Amino acid sequence: MTPRPPALTYASYLKVDELLALQQPLSDGPEHDEMLFIVIHQVYELWFKQMLHELDRLCRLLAQGDGLRALGGFTRILTILKVLVHQIDVLETMTPLEFLSFRDRLESGSGFQSFQFREFEFVLGHKQPSALERYPEGSEHRARLERRLAAPTLWDGFLAYLQQDEATDLGALPPRDVTQPIAPSPPVQDAVIAVYRAAGLAAQVCERMVDLDEGVQEWRYRHVKMVQRTIGTKMGTGGSDGAAYLMRTLNHPCFPDLWAVRAEL
């Protein structure tokens, strides 16, 4: 008789034992605060995974012209972004000296190397082919980024959505090179203005795009302030410029056309 498989439990379904085995501090002792540092950053990676999952679906919904369901997708992503910002509050309970007690153990490891966050940036339109150079050729991480680099962005899904809206006069836009950063477009700005003035569902979608852009910028700002608070002007781990690099990422909106039209409404 074939033995019955064990009954599904909370722990087996969520792989709790495996999950709890992944926090492995490297410092002597180990240092108390290294556990917090590991947990926070592992949770960040889980949320990045979920946001990529949600953004892929959102791109499909917009391309299909399903603005109503897309609004729900925006709400979930925006809520996750708020959680990411609030996690910084937890990380900031660690003082600079507490971080320095184990920082040398990080060696060349750095959040700068998060391939999922690079994927997130690529989906939002911040395409930087040079980012691939940080990952070995033939590695799975590089392959993932190469696929994201060649794939349409959320902005491309949004443009496809606008082309299906009766309030716009976009017609057939010339094909956009999806491997390049998003550049301002007067025809797109005219279409967005028309959408806002029609005050329909598409106008709500435009506002959620702006909310998403603002949410990403809010996270970047809180992140840079946390780094400044923790290590000041020191070099980041992994050879990055630390806070100086992060400062250069501020005030660079994902969707410039949606900000440019504010003065025209």
Protein backbone atom coordinates (compact mmCIF):
# COMPACT_ATOMS: atom_id res chain seq x y z
CA MET A 1 0.00 0.00 0.00
CA THR A 2 1.34 3.41 -0.98
CA PRO A 3 1.86 5.51 2.14
CA ARG A 4 -0.26 8.63 2.35
CA PRO A 5 1.67 11.87 2.00
CA PRO A 6 1.84 13.94 5.20
CA ALA A 7 -1.02 16.36 5.70
CA LEU A 8 -0.37 19.90 4.53
CA THR A 9 0.34 22.23 7.44
CA TYR A 10 1.02 25.94 7.85
CA ALA A 11 4.74 25.24 8.24
CA SER A 12 5.03 22.85 5.29
CA TYR A 13 3.03 25.07 2.91
CA LEU A 14 5.11 28.17 3.71
CA LYS A 15 8.39 26.24 4.05
CA VAL A 16 8.84 27.88 7.46
CA ASP A 17 11.74 25.68 8.56
CA GLU A 18 13.66 26.45 5.36
CA LEU A 19 12.81 30.14 5.63
CA LEU A 20 14.02 30.45 9.22
CA ALA A 21 17.27 28.69 8.34
CA LEU A 22 18.24 31.44 5.88
CA GLN A 23 19.27 34.04 8.49
CA GLN A 24 22.94 33.27 9.11
CA PRO A 25 24.95 36.11 10.70
CA LEU A 26 28.67 36.14 9.96
CA SER A 27 29.90 38.33 12.82
CA ASP A 28 31.49 36.99 15.99
CA GLY A 29 29.04 36.45 18.77
CA PRO A 30 27.16 37.12 16.50
CA GLU A 31 26.54 40.86 16.86
CA HIS A 32 22.96 41.41 17.97
CA ASP A 33 21.96 43.80 15.17
CA GLU A 34 23.20 41.70 12.28
CA MET A 35 20.05 39.59 12.56
CA LEU A 36 17.86 42.67 12.02
CA PHE A 37 19.98 43.72 9.04
CA ILE A 38 19.62 40.31 7.40
CA VAL A 39 15.88 39.98 8.05
CA ILE A 40 15.10 43.47 6.73
CA HIS A 41 17.00 42.93 3.51
CA GLN A 42 15.62 39.45 2.93
CA VAL A 43 12.12 40.86 3.39
CA TYR A 44 12.97 43.61 0.90
CA GLU A 45 13.89 40.98 -1.66
CA LEU A 46 10.59 39.16 -1.07
CA TRP A 47 8.67 42.40 -1.61
CA PHE A 48 10.70 43.12 -4.76
CA LYS A 49 9.67 39.67 -6.01
CA GLN A 50 6.02 40.43 -5.31
CA MET A 51 6.18 43.88 -6.94
CA LEU A 52 7.70 42.40 -10.10
CA HIS A 53 4.89 39.84 -10.09
CA GLU A 54 2.31 42.62 -9.75
CA LEU A 55 3.95 44.90 -12.33
CA ASP A 56 4.01 42.15 -14.96
CA ARG A 57 0.28 41.67 -14.50
CA LEU A 58 -0.32 45.42 -14.51
CA CYS A 59 1.53 45.76 -17.82
CA ARG A 60 -0.72 43.08 -19.33
CA LEU A 61 -3.91 44.70 -18.01
CA LEU A 62 -2.98 48.10 -19.41
CA ALA A 63 -2.01 46.67 -22.79
CA GLN A 64 -5.40 44.93 -22.88
CA GLY A 65 -7.21 48.19 -22.10
CA ASP A 66 -8.51 46.91 -18.76
CA GLY A 67 -8.20 50.15 -16.79
CA LEU A 68 -10.62 49.14 -14.05
CA ARG A 69 -8.68 46.05 -12.99
CA ALA A 70 -5.43 47.96 -13.45
CA LEU A 71 -6.52 50.41 -10.74
CA GLY A 72 -6.63 47.54 -8.27
CA GLY A 73 -3.13 46.50 -9.31
CA PHE A 74 -1.84 50.01 -8.71
CA THR A 75 -3.40 50.04 -5.25
CA ARG A 76 -1.58 46.87 -4.25
CA ILE A 77 1.81 48.04 -5.55
CA LEU A 78 1.44 51.44 -3.88
CA THR A 79 0.58 49.76 -0.59
CA ILE A 80 3.68 47.56 -0.84
CA LEU A 81 5.80 50.66 -1.50
CA LYS A 82 4.46 52.18 1.72
CA VAL A 83 5.55 49.04 3.57
CA LEU A 84 9.04 49.36 2.06
CA VAL A 85 9.28 52.93 3.32
CA HIS A 86 8.10 51.96 6.81
CA GLN A 87 10.71 49.18 6.97
CA ILE A 88 13.33 51.93 6.94
CA ASP A 89 11.88 53.13 10.25
CA VAL A 90 12.73 49.71 11.70
CA LEU A 91 16.23 49.76 10.19
CA GLU A 92 16.87 53.21 11.65
CA THR A 93 16.47 51.82 15.18
CA MET A 94 20.00 50.52 14.60
CA THR A 95 22.61 53.13 15.50
CA PRO A 96 25.72 53.82 13.36
CA LEU A 97 27.94 52.08 15.92
CA GLU A 98 25.68 49.03 15.98
CA PHE A 99 25.95 48.79 12.19
CA LEU A 100 29.73 49.24 12.28
CA SER A 101 29.98 46.32 14.71
CA PHE A 102 29.41 43.90 11.79
CA ARG A 103 29.79 46.03 8.64
CA ASP A 104 33.26 44.68 7.82
CA ARG A 105 31.71 41.21 7.50
CA LEU A 106 29.74 42.36 4.45
CA GLU A 107 33.00 42.58 2.46
CA SER A 108 32.00 43.29 -1.17
CA GLY A 109 28.30 42.59 -0.59
CA SER A 110 26.02 45.57 -1.21
CA GLY A 111 22.37 46.35 -1.84
CA PHE A 112 23.77 47.99 -4.98
CA GLN A 113 23.97 44.42 -6.32
CA SER A 114 20.27 43.60 -5.91
CA PHE A 115 19.33 42.21 -9.33
CA GLN A 116 15.62 42.28 -8.44
CA PHE A 117 15.73 46.00 -7.72
CA ARG A 118 17.49 46.50 -11.09
CA GLU A 119 14.65 44.53 -12.68
CA PHE A 120 12.19 46.80 -10.88
CA GLU A 121 13.94 49.86 -12.29
CA PHE A 122 13.94 48.35 -15.79
CA VAL A 123 10.19 47.62 -15.65
CA LEU A 124 9.57 51.24 -14.67
CA GLY A 125 11.64 52.46 -17.61
CA HIS A 126 14.99 53.25 -16.00
CA LYS A 127 16.84 51.16 -18.59
CA GLN A 128 20.61 51.20 -18.08
CA PRO A 129 22.41 48.61 -20.24
CA SER A 130 25.59 49.34 -18.28
CA ALA A 131 23.93 47.78 -15.21
CA LEU A 132 24.38 44.36 -16.83
CA GLU A 133 28.15 44.66 -16.51
CA ARG A 134 27.87 44.12 -12.74
CA TYR A 135 26.72 40.52 -13.29
CA PRO A 136 28.84 37.75 -14.85
CA GLU A 137 28.06 36.76 -18.44
CA GLY A 138 26.02 33.58 -18.53
CA SER A 139 24.74 34.01 -14.97
CA GLU A 140 21.03 33.69 -14.25
CA HIS A 141 20.95 37.18 -12.73
CA ARG A 142 22.36 38.71 -15.91
CA ALA A 143 19.97 36.68 -18.05
CA ARG A 144 17.02 38.02 -16.05
CA LEU A 145 18.19 41.58 -16.56
CA GLU A 146 18.78 40.98 -20.27
CA ARG A 147 15.19 39.79 -20.61
CA ARG A 148 13.92 42.84 -18.73
CA LEU A 149 16.06 45.14 -20.86
CA ALA A 150 14.51 43.75 -24.05
CA ALA A 151 10.94 43.73 -22.71
CA PRO A 152 8.36 46.55 -22.86
CA THR A 153 8.06 48.68 -19.73
CA LEU A 154 5.07 49.73 -17.68
CA TRP A 155 5.16 52.98 -19.65
CA ASP A 156 4.76 51.04 -22.90
CA GLY A 157 1.71 49.30 -21.46
CA PHE A 158 0.36 52.70 -20.42
CA LEU A 159 0.87 54.09 -23.96
CA ALA A 160 -0.99 51.09 -25.38
CA TYR A 161 -3.79 51.82 -22.93
CA LEU A 162 -3.97 55.50 -23.96
CA GLN A 163 -4.18 54.53 -27.62
CA GLN A 164 -7.38 52.64 -26.84
CA ASP A 165 -9.01 55.57 -25.03
CA GLU A 166 -11.57 57.61 -26.95
CA ALA A 167 -10.43 60.90 -25.41
CA THR A 168 -6.98 60.70 -27.00
CA ASP A 169 -5.83 61.32 -30.54
CA LEU A 170 -2.61 59.35 -30.36
CA GLY A 171 -3.27 57.19 -33.39
CA ALA A 172 -0.38 54.92 -34.20
CA LEU A 173 2.64 56.17 -32.27
CA PRO A 174 6.00 55.36 -33.85
CA PRO A 175 7.50 52.31 -32.17
CA ARG A 176 9.58 53.15 -29.11
CA ASP A 177 12.92 51.50 -28.45
CA VAL A 178 12.03 49.76 -25.19
CA THR A 179 15.70 49.28 -24.30
CA GLN A 180 16.14 53.05 -23.92
CA PRO A 181 15.11 55.33 -21.03
CA ILE A 182 11.74 57.05 -21.34
CA ALA A 183 12.06 60.42 -23.08
CA PRO A 184 9.48 63.26 -23.01
CA SER A 185 7.04 63.26 -25.95
CA PRO A 186 4.84 66.26 -26.91
CA PRO A 187 2.21 64.04 -28.63
CA VAL A 188 1.93 61.91 -25.49
CA GLN A 189 1.62 65.01 -23.32
CA ASP A 190 -1.21 66.33 -25.52
CA ALA A 191 -2.97 62.97 -25.19
CA VAL A 192 -2.58 62.97 -21.40
CA ILE A 193 -4.00 66.50 -21.17
CA ALA A 194 -7.02 65.39 -23.23
CA VAL A 195 -7.50 62.38 -20.94
CA TYR A 196 -7.44 64.56 -17.82
CA ARG A 197 -9.94 67.01 -19.29
CA ALA A 198 -12.28 64.14 -20.23
CA ALA A 199 -12.21 63.12 -16.54
CA GLY A 200 -12.90 59.45 -17.24
CA LEU A 201 -11.36 56.20 -16.08
CA ALA A 202 -8.16 56.90 -18.01
CA ALA A 203 -7.61 60.04 -15.94
CA GLN A 204 -7.64 57.87 -12.80
CA VAL A 205 -5.07 55.56 -14.38
CA CYS A 206 -2.86 58.59 -15.09
CA GLU A 207 -3.07 59.62 -11.44
CA ARG A 208 -2.13 56.16 -10.25
CA MET A 209 0.90 56.27 -12.54
CA VAL A 210 1.88 59.55 -10.88
CA ASP A 211 1.27 58.00 -7.44
CA LEU A 212 3.58 55.12 -8.34
CA ASP A 213 6.28 57.48 -9.59
CA GLU A 214 6.01 59.57 -6.43
CA GLY A 215 6.07 56.45 -4.25
CA VAL A 216 9.32 55.26 -5.84
CA GLN A 217 10.86 58.70 -5.34
CA GLU A 218 9.72 58.72 -1.70
CA TRP A 219 11.41 55.35 -1.12
CA ARG A 220 14.61 56.59 -2.76
CA TYR A 221 14.62 59.69 -0.54
CA ARG A 222 14.07 57.72 2.69
CA HIS A 223 16.74 55.25 1.62
CA VAL A 224 19.38 57.91 1.02
CA LYS A 225 18.59 59.64 4.33
CA MET A 226 18.91 56.32 6.15
CA VAL A 227 22.32 55.72 4.55
CA GLN A 228 23.47 59.26 5.39
CA ARG A 229 22.29 58.78 8.96
CA THR A 230 24.11 55.46 9.29
CA ILE A 231 27.44 55.91 7.48
CA GLY A 232 27.52 59.60 6.54
CA THR A 233 29.80 60.24 3.58
CA LYS A 234 31.72 56.96 3.84
CA MET A 235 32.04 54.71 0.81
CA GLY A 236 29.33 52.11 0.52
CA THR A 237 30.01 48.39 0.81
CA GLY A 238 30.92 46.73 -2.47
CA GLY A 239 32.85 49.82 -3.63
CA SER A 240 29.81 52.01 -4.35
CA ASP A 241 29.79 55.74 -3.61
CA GLY A 242 27.29 55.16 -0.81
CA ALA A 243 25.04 58.14 -0.14
CA ALA A 244 26.66 60.14 -2.96
CA TYR A 245 25.45 57.58 -5.52
CA LEU A 246 22.00 57.44 -3.99
CA MET A 247 21.72 61.23 -4.07
CA ARG A 248 22.20 61.12 -7.84
CA THR A 249 19.12 58.90 -8.18
CA LEU A 250 16.81 61.47 -6.57
CA ASN A 251 14.47 63.74 -8.54
CA HIS A 252 14.55 61.57 -11.65
CA PRO A 253 10.90 60.73 -12.32
CA CYS A 254 10.05 57.52 -14.11
CA PHE A 255 7.33 59.09 -16.25
CA PRO A 256 8.40 62.65 -17.19
CA ASP A 257 5.40 63.35 -19.43
CA LEU A 258 2.97 62.91 -16.54
CA TRP A 259 4.82 65.58 -14.58
CA ALA A 260 5.32 67.96 -17.52
CA VAL A 261 1.56 68.29 -18.12
CA ARG A 262 0.81 69.55 -14.59
CA ALA A 263 1.46 73.15 -15.65
CA GLU A 264 -0.90 72.77 -18.62
CA LEU A 265 -4.00 71.48 -16.85
